[in-house]
N, C-alpha and C. Protein backbone atom coordinates (compact mmCIF):
# COMPACT_ATOMS: atom_id res chain seq x y z
N MET A 1 119.63 88.65 133.34
CA MET A 1 120.16 89.95 133.26
C MET A 1 121.57 89.97 133.73
N LYS A 2 121.42 89.70 135.08
CA LYS A 2 122.46 90.03 135.99
C LYS A 2 124.03 89.12 135.53
N ARG A 3 123.56 87.89 135.03
CA ARG A 3 124.69 87.09 134.63
C ARG A 3 125.40 87.50 133.49
N ARG A 4 124.38 88.12 132.43
CA ARG A 4 125.02 88.75 131.17
C ARG A 4 125.58 90.06 131.54
N LEU A 5 125.56 90.69 132.67
CA LEU A 5 125.93 91.98 132.79
C LEU A 5 127.41 91.12 133.60
N SER A 6 127.53 90.61 134.36
CA SER A 6 128.65 90.05 134.92
C SER A 6 129.67 89.82 134.07
N VAL A 7 129.18 89.00 132.99
CA VAL A 7 130.22 88.14 132.05
C VAL A 7 130.70 89.69 130.95
N ALA A 8 129.86 90.74 131.00
CA ALA A 8 130.17 91.77 130.40
C ALA A 8 131.40 92.53 130.97
N ILE A 9 130.81 92.55 132.35
CA ILE A 9 131.91 93.20 133.01
C ILE A 9 133.37 92.62 133.22
N ALA A 10 133.32 91.19 133.11
CA ALA A 10 134.44 90.55 133.32
C ALA A 10 135.12 90.75 132.19
N CYS A 11 134.79 91.25 131.26
CA CYS A 11 135.42 91.14 129.78
C CYS A 11 135.97 92.56 129.70
N ILE A 12 135.72 93.83 130.51
CA ILE A 12 136.21 94.76 130.45
C ILE A 12 137.87 95.01 130.71
N GLY A 13 138.36 95.66 129.64
CA GLY A 13 139.93 95.56 129.90
C GLY A 13 140.53 94.77 129.26
N ASN A 14 139.89 93.75 128.34
CA ASN A 14 140.82 92.96 127.72
C ASN A 14 141.69 92.19 128.41
N PRO A 15 141.26 91.59 129.71
CA PRO A 15 142.24 90.56 130.32
C PRO A 15 142.83 89.28 129.72
N LYS A 16 144.10 88.97 130.38
CA LYS A 16 144.77 88.13 129.92
C LYS A 16 144.15 86.82 130.48
N LEU A 17 143.80 86.68 131.63
CA LEU A 17 143.03 85.72 132.23
C LEU A 17 141.83 86.15 132.57
N LEU A 18 140.68 85.36 132.37
CA LEU A 18 139.29 85.51 132.95
C LEU A 18 138.83 84.08 133.43
N ILE A 19 138.29 84.25 134.86
CA ILE A 19 137.85 83.22 135.49
C ILE A 19 136.51 83.61 135.51
N MET A 20 135.54 82.66 135.22
CA MET A 20 134.07 82.53 135.08
C MET A 20 133.32 81.07 135.67
N ASP A 21 132.63 81.60 136.80
CA ASP A 21 132.02 80.50 137.55
C ASP A 21 130.53 80.51 136.95
N GLU A 22 130.03 79.32 136.47
CA GLU A 22 128.67 79.16 135.78
C GLU A 22 128.26 80.29 135.19
N PRO A 23 129.01 80.98 134.43
CA PRO A 23 128.30 82.20 133.37
C PRO A 23 127.25 82.07 132.89
N THR A 24 126.48 80.89 132.36
CA THR A 24 125.18 80.70 131.93
C THR A 24 124.18 80.37 132.58
N SER A 25 124.06 79.86 133.89
CA SER A 25 123.53 79.09 134.67
C SER A 25 122.05 80.13 134.76
N GLY A 26 121.10 79.94 134.54
CA GLY A 26 120.09 80.28 134.69
C GLY A 26 119.38 80.95 133.55
N MET A 27 120.20 81.16 132.48
CA MET A 27 119.95 81.82 131.29
C MET A 27 119.05 81.33 130.31
N ASP A 28 118.17 82.07 129.61
CA ASP A 28 117.58 81.28 128.69
C ASP A 28 118.29 81.10 127.48
N PRO A 29 117.98 80.13 126.49
CA PRO A 29 118.52 79.43 125.46
C PRO A 29 119.34 80.53 124.48
N ILE A 30 118.71 81.63 124.22
CA ILE A 30 119.28 82.69 123.29
C ILE A 30 120.25 83.42 123.97
N SER A 31 120.29 83.36 124.96
CA SER A 31 121.30 84.32 125.64
C SER A 31 122.31 83.58 126.30
N ARG A 32 122.21 82.58 126.41
CA ARG A 32 123.16 81.35 126.71
C ARG A 32 124.27 81.01 125.36
N ARG A 33 123.57 81.05 124.46
CA ARG A 33 124.29 80.97 123.02
C ARG A 33 125.10 82.01 122.89
N GLU A 34 124.41 83.53 123.07
CA GLU A 34 125.50 84.41 122.84
C GLU A 34 126.30 84.87 123.76
N VAL A 35 126.60 84.29 124.95
CA VAL A 35 127.45 84.19 125.88
C VAL A 35 128.39 82.90 125.51
N TRP A 36 128.24 82.05 124.89
CA TRP A 36 128.97 81.11 124.45
C TRP A 36 129.70 81.59 123.19
N ASP A 37 129.10 82.23 122.35
CA ASP A 37 129.89 82.55 121.04
C ASP A 37 130.54 83.75 121.58
N LEU A 38 130.34 84.91 122.60
CA LEU A 38 131.60 85.80 123.05
C LEU A 38 132.59 84.94 123.59
N VAL A 39 132.29 83.99 124.56
CA VAL A 39 133.45 83.32 125.19
C VAL A 39 134.56 82.44 124.18
N PHE A 40 133.52 81.91 123.22
CA PHE A 40 134.47 81.36 122.13
C PHE A 40 135.19 82.18 121.37
N LYS A 41 134.81 83.39 120.94
CA LYS A 41 135.51 84.47 120.28
C LYS A 41 136.87 84.79 121.10
N MET A 42 136.72 84.90 122.40
CA MET A 42 137.62 85.67 123.38
C MET A 42 138.50 84.56 123.79
N LYS A 43 138.31 83.39 123.70
CA LYS A 43 139.02 82.30 123.97
C LYS A 43 140.36 82.40 123.19
N GLN A 44 140.37 83.11 121.91
CA GLN A 44 141.48 82.94 121.01
C GLN A 44 142.57 83.93 121.62
N ARG A 45 142.50 84.81 122.59
CA ARG A 45 143.39 85.64 123.04
C ARG A 45 143.93 85.80 124.07
N ARG A 46 143.06 84.44 124.94
CA ARG A 46 143.28 84.82 126.64
C ARG A 46 143.08 83.39 127.07
N THR A 47 143.71 83.15 128.26
CA THR A 47 143.14 82.00 128.85
C THR A 47 141.80 82.17 129.73
N ILE A 48 141.06 81.20 129.89
CA ILE A 48 140.16 81.55 130.21
C ILE A 48 139.65 80.18 131.30
N ILE A 49 139.54 80.52 132.33
CA ILE A 49 138.88 79.24 133.70
C ILE A 49 137.46 79.21 133.51
N LEU A 50 136.73 78.05 133.44
CA LEU A 50 135.31 78.22 133.58
C LEU A 50 134.83 77.00 134.14
N THR A 51 133.83 77.09 135.12
CA THR A 51 133.22 76.41 135.87
C THR A 51 131.88 76.02 135.17
N SER A 52 131.45 74.73 134.92
CA SER A 52 130.11 74.44 134.55
C SER A 52 129.69 72.89 134.87
N HIS A 53 128.47 73.26 135.08
CA HIS A 53 127.68 71.51 135.25
C HIS A 53 127.16 71.20 133.79
N ASP A 54 127.13 72.17 132.87
CA ASP A 54 126.76 71.66 131.48
C ASP A 54 127.64 71.08 130.79
N MET A 55 127.64 70.05 130.32
CA MET A 55 128.68 69.38 129.49
C MET A 55 128.64 69.93 127.94
N ASP A 56 127.43 70.15 127.59
CA ASP A 56 127.54 70.64 126.30
C ASP A 56 128.12 72.02 126.40
N GLU A 57 128.12 72.73 127.21
CA GLU A 57 128.75 74.14 127.37
C GLU A 57 130.36 73.93 127.61
N ALA A 58 130.75 72.64 128.35
CA ALA A 58 132.11 72.82 128.45
C ALA A 58 132.64 72.24 127.30
N GLU A 59 132.10 71.28 126.55
CA GLU A 59 132.56 70.51 125.27
C GLU A 59 132.69 71.71 124.21
N TYR A 60 131.49 72.53 124.01
CA TYR A 60 131.87 73.87 123.03
C TYR A 60 133.13 74.91 123.42
N LEU A 61 133.00 75.22 124.81
CA LEU A 61 133.83 76.20 125.26
C LEU A 61 135.32 75.86 125.42
N SER A 62 135.37 74.59 125.77
CA SER A 62 136.93 74.30 126.22
C SER A 62 137.70 73.49 124.95
N ASP A 63 139.43 73.61 125.30
CA ASP A 63 140.37 73.18 124.70
C ASP A 63 140.58 71.75 125.64
N ARG A 64 140.61 71.99 126.86
CA ARG A 64 140.90 70.82 127.84
C ARG A 64 139.86 71.08 129.04
N LEU A 65 139.42 69.89 129.41
CA LEU A 65 138.46 69.60 130.53
C LEU A 65 139.13 68.84 131.62
N ALA A 66 138.92 69.59 132.90
CA ALA A 66 139.25 68.96 133.64
C ALA A 66 137.94 68.63 134.98
N ILE A 67 137.62 67.02 135.00
CA ILE A 67 136.37 66.86 135.99
C ILE A 67 137.10 66.57 137.31
N ILE A 68 136.27 67.48 138.12
CA ILE A 68 136.59 67.37 139.43
C ILE A 68 135.18 66.88 140.44
N SER A 69 135.36 65.66 141.22
CA SER A 69 134.71 64.91 142.01
C SER A 69 135.10 65.28 143.01
N LYS A 70 133.91 65.49 144.33
CA LYS A 70 134.47 65.61 145.92
C LYS A 70 135.74 66.49 146.15
N GLY A 71 135.91 67.63 145.36
CA GLY A 71 136.83 68.17 145.50
C GLY A 71 138.45 67.78 144.82
N SER A 72 138.47 66.70 144.31
CA SER A 72 139.58 66.22 143.31
C SER A 72 139.42 65.96 142.22
N VAL A 73 140.46 66.26 141.08
CA VAL A 73 140.40 66.17 139.84
C VAL A 73 140.66 64.86 139.40
N VAL A 74 139.93 64.49 139.04
CA VAL A 74 139.34 62.96 138.39
C VAL A 74 140.10 62.48 137.02
N CYS A 75 140.16 63.57 136.37
CA CYS A 75 140.42 63.26 134.86
C CYS A 75 140.64 64.49 134.12
N VAL A 76 141.61 64.79 133.08
CA VAL A 76 141.77 65.88 132.42
C VAL A 76 142.16 65.70 130.90
N GLY A 77 141.34 66.09 129.82
CA GLY A 77 141.75 66.10 128.58
C GLY A 77 141.02 66.81 127.55
N THR A 78 140.98 66.57 126.45
CA THR A 78 140.23 67.43 125.40
C THR A 78 139.01 66.79 125.70
N PRO A 79 137.80 67.51 125.00
CA PRO A 79 136.36 66.61 125.18
C PRO A 79 136.54 65.36 124.43
N LEU A 80 137.07 65.42 123.25
CA LEU A 80 136.94 64.01 122.47
C LEU A 80 137.87 62.88 123.02
N GLN A 81 138.93 63.07 123.98
CA GLN A 81 139.77 62.24 124.65
C GLN A 81 138.74 61.79 125.77
N LEU A 82 138.20 62.47 126.65
CA LEU A 82 137.22 62.11 127.45
C LEU A 82 136.18 61.31 127.13
N LYS A 83 135.43 61.74 126.08
CA LYS A 83 134.49 61.00 125.09
C LYS A 83 134.71 59.74 124.96
N ILE A 84 136.00 59.44 124.15
CA ILE A 84 136.45 58.25 123.77
C ILE A 84 136.80 57.34 125.27
N ARG A 85 137.23 57.92 126.05
CA ARG A 85 138.01 57.10 127.28
C ARG A 85 136.61 56.67 128.15
N TYR A 86 135.68 57.52 128.49
CA TYR A 86 134.89 57.40 129.38
C TYR A 86 133.30 57.54 129.03
N GLY A 87 133.24 57.45 127.85
CA GLY A 87 131.82 57.71 127.07
C GLY A 87 131.14 56.64 126.77
N ASP A 88 129.78 56.20 127.55
CA ASP A 88 129.12 55.05 126.72
C ASP A 88 127.98 55.24 125.78
N GLY A 89 128.03 56.46 125.49
CA GLY A 89 126.68 57.01 124.77
C GLY A 89 125.32 57.04 125.39
N TYR A 90 124.60 56.84 124.96
CA TYR A 90 123.40 57.29 125.70
C TYR A 90 122.41 56.03 126.01
N LYS A 91 121.73 55.73 127.15
CA LYS A 91 120.88 54.67 127.67
C LYS A 91 119.56 55.24 127.95
N VAL A 92 118.67 54.69 127.12
CA VAL A 92 117.19 55.16 127.18
C VAL A 92 116.48 53.71 127.67
N THR A 93 115.59 54.24 128.63
CA THR A 93 114.95 52.76 129.19
C THR A 93 113.08 53.29 128.62
N PHE A 94 112.60 52.46 128.63
CA PHE A 94 111.35 52.31 128.05
C PHE A 94 110.31 51.67 129.11
N SER A 95 109.30 52.18 129.63
CA SER A 95 108.43 51.25 130.48
C SER A 95 107.00 51.28 130.04
N TYR A 96 106.34 50.60 129.92
CA TYR A 96 104.84 50.22 129.34
C TYR A 96 104.16 49.89 130.27
N SER A 97 103.00 50.42 130.25
CA SER A 97 102.11 49.92 131.24
C SER A 97 100.52 50.34 130.57
N GLY A 98 99.27 49.69 131.19
CA GLY A 98 98.15 49.87 130.53
C GLY A 98 97.51 48.92 129.55
N LYS A 99 96.65 49.41 128.93
CA LYS A 99 95.80 48.17 128.06
C LYS A 99 96.59 47.81 127.00
N TYR A 100 97.50 48.56 126.16
CA TYR A 100 98.34 48.27 125.10
C TYR A 100 99.90 48.20 125.64
N ALA A 101 100.13 47.94 126.41
CA ALA A 101 101.41 47.93 126.89
C ALA A 101 102.25 46.99 125.78
N LYS A 102 101.98 45.65 125.50
CA LYS A 102 102.86 44.78 124.66
C LYS A 102 102.53 45.29 123.53
N ARG A 103 101.86 45.70 122.66
CA ARG A 103 101.60 46.49 121.43
C ARG A 103 102.91 47.59 121.31
N ARG A 104 102.79 48.39 122.41
CA ARG A 104 103.70 49.73 122.11
C ARG A 104 105.06 48.85 122.36
N GLN A 105 105.30 48.17 123.48
CA GLN A 105 106.88 47.44 123.25
C GLN A 105 107.10 46.83 121.88
N ARG A 106 106.36 45.84 121.66
CA ARG A 106 106.64 45.28 119.87
C ARG A 106 107.04 46.78 118.81
N ARG A 107 106.17 47.41 119.07
CA ARG A 107 106.31 48.76 117.81
C ARG A 107 107.57 49.63 118.59
N VAL A 108 108.17 49.69 119.55
CA VAL A 108 109.30 50.29 119.88
C VAL A 108 110.51 49.60 119.57
N GLU A 109 110.43 48.24 119.85
CA GLU A 109 111.58 47.19 119.46
C GLU A 109 111.31 46.92 118.00
N TYR A 110 110.39 47.17 117.29
CA TYR A 110 110.51 47.01 115.48
C TYR A 110 110.95 48.33 114.83
N LEU A 111 110.88 49.49 115.79
CA LEU A 111 111.71 50.56 115.39
C LEU A 111 113.08 50.80 115.36
N LEU A 112 113.54 50.46 116.71
CA LEU A 112 114.71 50.41 117.16
C LEU A 112 115.74 49.40 116.34
N LYS A 113 115.11 48.41 115.69
CA LYS A 113 115.63 47.17 114.85
C LYS A 113 116.65 47.97 113.68
């Protein structure tokens, strides 16, 4: 509730520059999406600087991203540019144990073909 109130207070007065630090951290999914929609609409008329650990949030809300590691900017670009340059996709690891481990492994391998 406090996060939503902080976002609302930050928007009062129609500021041209809005700085938000982890605006949706700790919010439930519905509230998070409502804030995303508000920020997305607001970005059309102002500059918004937003920090986030949530890459889905950063991708949805940002025209340009800067990734910071150990206090230094390590890359800057659009979400698509960064995905193309640094993205490896998803990696999934399966581990099998128990009586039917081999059977499960063969089944997963079959499904992934």
